[in-house]
Protein backbone atom coordinates (compact mmCIF):
# COMPACT_ATOMS: atom_id res chain seq x y z
CA MET A 1 -71.32 0.63 114.28
CA PHE A 2 -75.50 0.69 114.37
CA ASP A 3 -76.02 -2.35 115.90
CA LYS A 4 -76.90 -2.27 119.78
CA ILE A 5 -78.19 2.14 120.02
CA LYS A 6 -80.85 2.66 121.86
CA PHE A 7 -82.49 5.11 119.59
CA SER A 8 -84.33 4.80 115.97
CA LEU A 9 -81.73 5.09 113.61
CA LEU A 10 -82.70 7.66 112.08
CA ILE A 11 -81.69 10.10 114.44
CA ALA A 12 -78.50 7.53 114.17
CA PHE A 13 -78.18 9.37 111.08
CA HIS A 14 -78.69 12.84 112.17
CA ILE A 15 -76.28 12.66 114.73
CA CYS A 16 -73.41 11.35 111.99
CA PHE A 17 -74.42 13.77 109.91
CA LYS A 18 -74.03 17.11 112.38
CA ILE A 19 -70.77 16.37 113.20
CA SER A 20 -69.69 15.33 110.17
CA THR A 21 -71.04 18.07 107.99
CA LYS A 22 -70.85 21.10 110.60
CA LYS A 23 -67.68 22.55 110.63
CA LYS A 24 -67.22 22.52 114.48
CA GLY A 25 -69.69 18.83 115.10
CA MET A 26 -71.82 18.93 117.86
CA SER A 27 -70.25 17.63 121.55
CA SER A 28 -72.83 14.57 122.86
CA LEU A 29 -74.10 17.62 125.27
CA GLU A 30 -75.56 19.71 121.99
CA LEU A 31 -76.67 16.72 120.44
CA SER A 32 -78.80 15.24 123.57
CA ALA A 33 -80.29 18.70 123.92
CA GLU A 34 -80.92 18.65 120.29
CA PHE A 35 -82.22 14.78 120.32
CA GLY A 36 -83.64 14.60 123.83
CA LEU A 37 -81.43 11.58 124.54
CA ARG A 38 -79.54 11.37 127.54
CA GLN A 39 -75.89 12.44 127.04
CA MET A 40 -74.03 9.20 128.61
CA THR A 41 -75.41 7.70 125.28
CA VAL A 42 -74.73 10.13 122.91
CA TRP A 43 -71.17 9.98 123.95
CA GLU A 44 -71.02 6.36 124.12
CA PHE A 45 -72.82 6.34 119.95
CA LYS A 46 -69.94 9.46 118.89
CA TRP A 47 -66.68 7.25 120.15
CA LYS A 48 -68.17 4.57 117.40
CA ILE A 49 -68.58 7.51 115.05
CA GLN A 50 -64.74 8.79 115.77
CA GLN A 51 -63.74 5.77 115.73
CA ALA A 52 -65.01 5.08 112.09
CA MET A 53 -63.32 8.58 111.33
CA ALA A 54 -59.95 7.73 112.14
CA SER A 55 -57.21 7.22 108.90
CA SER A 56 -56.79 4.61 107.11
CA ARG A 57 -53.08 5.75 106.49
CA VAL A 58 -53.42 5.07 103.37
CA HIS A 59 -52.74 8.51 102.07
CA LYS A 60 -49.94 9.61 103.90
CA LEU A 61 -48.20 13.38 103.30
CA GLU A 62 -45.77 13.85 100.40
CA GLY A 63 -43.91 17.50 99.72
CA LEU A 64 -42.80 19.72 102.13
CA VAL A 65 -44.89 18.50 105.80
CA HIS A 66 -44.12 20.23 109.02
CA VAL A 67 -43.85 18.36 112.03
CA ASP A 68 -44.19 19.68 116.12
CA GLU A 69 -45.43 18.54 118.85
CA PHE A 70 -48.30 20.56 121.70
CA LEU A 71 -49.64 19.59 125.14
CA ILE A 72 -53.27 20.06 125.38
CA GLY A 73 -54.48 20.47 129.29
CA GLU A 74 -54.24 21.67 132.36
CA TYR A 75 -50.76 23.54 132.80
CA GLU A 76 -48.48 21.69 135.15
CA GLU A 77 -45.03 22.90 136.16
CA GLY A 78 -42.16 20.92 134.58
CA LYS A 79 -42.58 18.81 131.62
CA VAL A 80 -44.65 15.14 130.24
CA GLY A 81 -42.71 12.15 131.49
CA CYS A 82 -42.98 8.69 130.38
CA ASN A 83 -44.44 7.46 133.67
CA GLY A 84 -48.26 8.05 132.46
CA LYS A 85 -48.46 10.23 136.21
CA SER A 86 -49.06 14.17 133.94
CA LYS A 87 -52.54 15.37 133.75
CA LYS A 88 -51.23 16.73 130.11
CA LYS A 89 -51.97 15.32 126.87
CA LEU A 90 -48.89 14.90 124.23
CA VAL A 91 -50.16 15.78 120.71
CA VAL A 92 -47.64 15.10 117.79
CA VAL A 93 -48.55 16.91 114.91
CA ALA A 94 -47.66 16.86 110.71
CA LEU A 95 -49.24 19.64 108.62
CA GLU A 96 -48.46 19.68 104.66
CA ILE A 97 -47.37 22.44 103.25
CA LEU A 98 -48.02 23.59 99.75
CA LYS A 99 -45.56 25.35 98.16
CA ASP A 100 -47.15 26.45 95.25
CA LYS A 101 -50.15 26.84 95.79
CA GLY A 102 -49.27 29.80 99.27
CA GLY A 103 -51.66 26.90 101.42
CA VAL A 104 -51.47 24.06 103.22
CA GLY A 105 -52.93 20.35 102.78
CA ARG A 106 -53.68 18.02 105.07
CA ALA A 107 -52.76 17.19 108.38
CA TYR A 108 -52.85 14.20 111.28
CA ALA A 109 -52.68 13.97 115.01
CA GLN A 110 -51.63 11.71 117.48
CA ILE A 111 -51.40 11.47 121.74
CA ILE A 112 -47.89 10.35 122.84
CA LYS A 113 -46.86 9.39 126.05
CA CYS A 114 -43.50 11.35 126.37
CA SER A 115 -41.40 13.56 123.95
CA SER A 116 -39.28 10.25 122.48
CA ASN A 117 -38.04 8.75 119.08
CA LYS A 118 -39.33 4.65 120.33
CA GLU A 119 -42.50 7.04 121.24
CA SER A 120 -42.90 9.26 117.36
CA ARG A 121 -41.62 6.54 115.04
CA PRO A 122 -44.72 5.00 114.55
CA PHE A 123 -46.66 8.35 114.05
CA PHE A 124 -44.36 9.09 111.20
CA GLU A 125 -44.37 5.40 109.75
CA ALA A 126 -47.95 5.66 109.73
CA TYR A 127 -48.86 9.13 107.95
CA ILE A 128 -45.66 10.82 106.85
CA SER A 129 -44.11 9.12 103.02
CA LYS A 130 -40.47 8.51 103.55
CA THR A 131 -40.00 10.74 100.25
CA ALA A 132 -41.65 13.75 102.23
CA HIS A 133 -39.31 16.92 102.97
CA VAL A 134 -39.74 16.41 106.68
CA VAL A 135 -39.35 19.92 108.45
CA THR A 136 -38.79 20.01 111.99
CA ASP A 137 -37.60 22.02 114.99
CA VAL A 138 -33.43 21.00 116.58
CA TRP A 139 -34.89 18.87 118.99
CA LYS A 140 -32.23 15.97 119.13
CA GLY A 141 -35.07 13.50 119.18
CA TYR A 142 -35.33 13.69 115.90
CA LEU A 143 -32.07 12.54 114.17
CA PRO A 144 -32.48 8.93 114.44
CA LEU A 145 -35.31 9.24 111.98
CA LYS A 146 -33.02 10.65 108.90
CA LYS A 147 -31.96 7.47 108.40
CA ASP A 148 -35.57 6.38 106.73
CA TYR A 149 -36.47 9.95 106.31
CA PRO A 150 -33.25 11.46 104.38
CA SER A 151 -34.70 14.32 103.14
CA LEU A 152 -35.74 15.13 107.66
CA GLU A 153 -34.56 18.80 108.18
CA GLN A 154 -33.98 20.46 111.78
CA ILE A 155 -34.11 24.46 112.05
CA PRO A 156 -34.90 26.23 115.03
CA SER A 157 -38.45 26.62 116.10
CA GLU A 158 -38.24 30.53 116.52
CA LYS A 159 -40.92 30.34 118.94
CA GLY A 160 -42.82 29.21 116.53
CA MET A 161 -42.12 32.11 113.83
CA ASN A 162 -40.77 28.65 111.34
CA PHE A 163 -43.57 27.09 112.19
CA LYS A 164 -46.69 29.84 111.44
CA LYS A 165 -48.90 27.69 109.79
CA LEU A 166 -48.34 24.44 111.36
CA HIS A 167 -48.85 26.37 114.98
CA ILE A 168 -52.15 28.35 113.99
CA HIS A 169 -53.65 24.45 112.70
CA ILE A 170 -52.80 23.83 116.04
CA MET A 171 -54.66 26.63 117.47
CA ASN A 172 -57.29 26.38 115.76
CA MET A 173 -57.80 22.38 117.44
CA GLN A 174 -56.99 23.31 120.25
CA GLY A 175 -59.67 26.06 120.38
CA TRP A 176 -61.88 23.51 118.55
CA LEU A 177 -61.10 21.15 121.57
CA ARG A 178 -61.92 23.87 124.41
CA GLY A 179 -64.44 25.56 123.44
CA ILE A 180 -66.65 22.55 122.00
CA HIS A 181 -65.96 20.12 123.98
CA HIS A 182 -64.17 21.89 127.14
CA HIS A 183 -62.79 18.97 129.05
CA CYS A 184 -62.20 14.51 126.89
CA SER A 185 -60.82 11.54 128.73
CA LYS A 186 -57.10 11.04 128.23
CA GLU A 187 -57.84 7.58 127.35
CA ARG A 188 -60.81 8.76 123.86
CA MET A 189 -58.62 12.28 123.23
CA GLN A 190 -57.59 10.47 120.35
CA GLY A 191 -60.74 9.61 119.52
CA TYR A 192 -61.32 13.63 119.13
CA LEU A 193 -57.57 14.56 116.84
CA ASP A 194 -59.47 11.90 114.58
CA GLU A 195 -63.04 13.39 114.55
CA TYR A 196 -61.14 16.82 113.60
CA HIS A 197 -59.14 15.70 111.16
CA PHE A 198 -61.94 13.48 109.43
CA ARG A 199 -63.49 16.97 108.63
CA TYR A 200 -60.29 19.14 108.61
CA ASN A 201 -59.16 16.53 106.29
CA ARG A 202 -62.44 16.81 103.72
CA ARG A 203 -62.98 20.07 103.75
CA ALA A 204 -62.72 20.86 100.03
CA PHE A 205 -65.26 17.45 99.35
CA MET A 206 -68.13 18.77 102.00
CA ARG A 207 -70.99 17.62 99.98
CA THR A 208 -69.78 13.78 100.01
CA ILE A 209 -68.53 13.31 103.44
CA PHE A 210 -71.21 12.32 105.07
CA ASP A 211 -71.85 9.42 102.70
CA LEU A 212 -67.88 8.06 102.86
CA LEU A 213 -68.74 8.43 107.26
CA MET A 214 -71.68 5.91 106.77
CA GLU A 215 -70.19 4.24 103.95
CA ARG A 216 -67.15 3.30 107.25
CA MET A 217 -70.02 3.60 109.71
CA VAL A 218 -71.73 0.58 108.03
CA ASN A 219 -68.35 -2.09 107.61
CA ASN A 220 -66.25 -1.11 110.35
CA GLU A 221 -66.32 -2.97 113.17
CA PRO A 222 -66.21 -0.54 116.52
CA LYS A 223 -62.81 -0.77 118.80
CA ARG A 224 -63.49 -1.83 122.44
CA LEU A 225 -62.15 -0.02 125.14
CA ASN A 226 -61.70 -1.34 128.17
CA ASN A 227 -64.15 -1.43 130.80
CA LYS A 228 -63.98 2.52 132.50
CA LYS A 229 -66.13 4.87 131.32
CA SER A 230 -64.68 8.47 131.22
CA LYS A 231 -67.85 11.33 132.53
CA THR A 232 -66.11 13.60 132.00
CA ALA A 233 -66.08 14.10 128.28
CA THR A 234 -68.73 16.07 125.71
């Protein structure tokens, strides 16, 4: 992932270090100003970093897991449909609830096209153990998942009161996206979600997080997006 970069390898290492170890990471605009590089150059390199930060999907969520969906983007009337015309992005998120310790464990989030069992199922299969006690709201789209997740339970959300820790996690994520990056293109939103959770899931292992990122950057080949480049993401 360091091939064909347009700046020195030393600066590339510094950028990787900043993004992985700073609590809120850094936007491409901030990195551009600090290292005297074009914003678009940094933005493209950051996309490679975000791909290396994507979950390996080896460690699935266990125990008590809360799941919900939320929207990112400008307010629009009506619900998000599956026609892809909405400017809002729908995200499904899952969070481990540590009952014994009273805290939270790991979390994952993924962009989905719309609220449907067809869209949610791949997320469940990729990130949640089938032995987990999954708790969701009473949306009927989760019902078919009970066949594969026998411990799945549905309870009323009560405006988020029954999912307090999950909604705090969602608010923190939304605040980070708006406060640090301001606007993210729909095509690359998943990269930002992966970046956030790469740091979040390793918050107790910050001494080794840079080493892990460097290992992934060296061993992984970057995914290729379509040729369209959004100039609005930071």
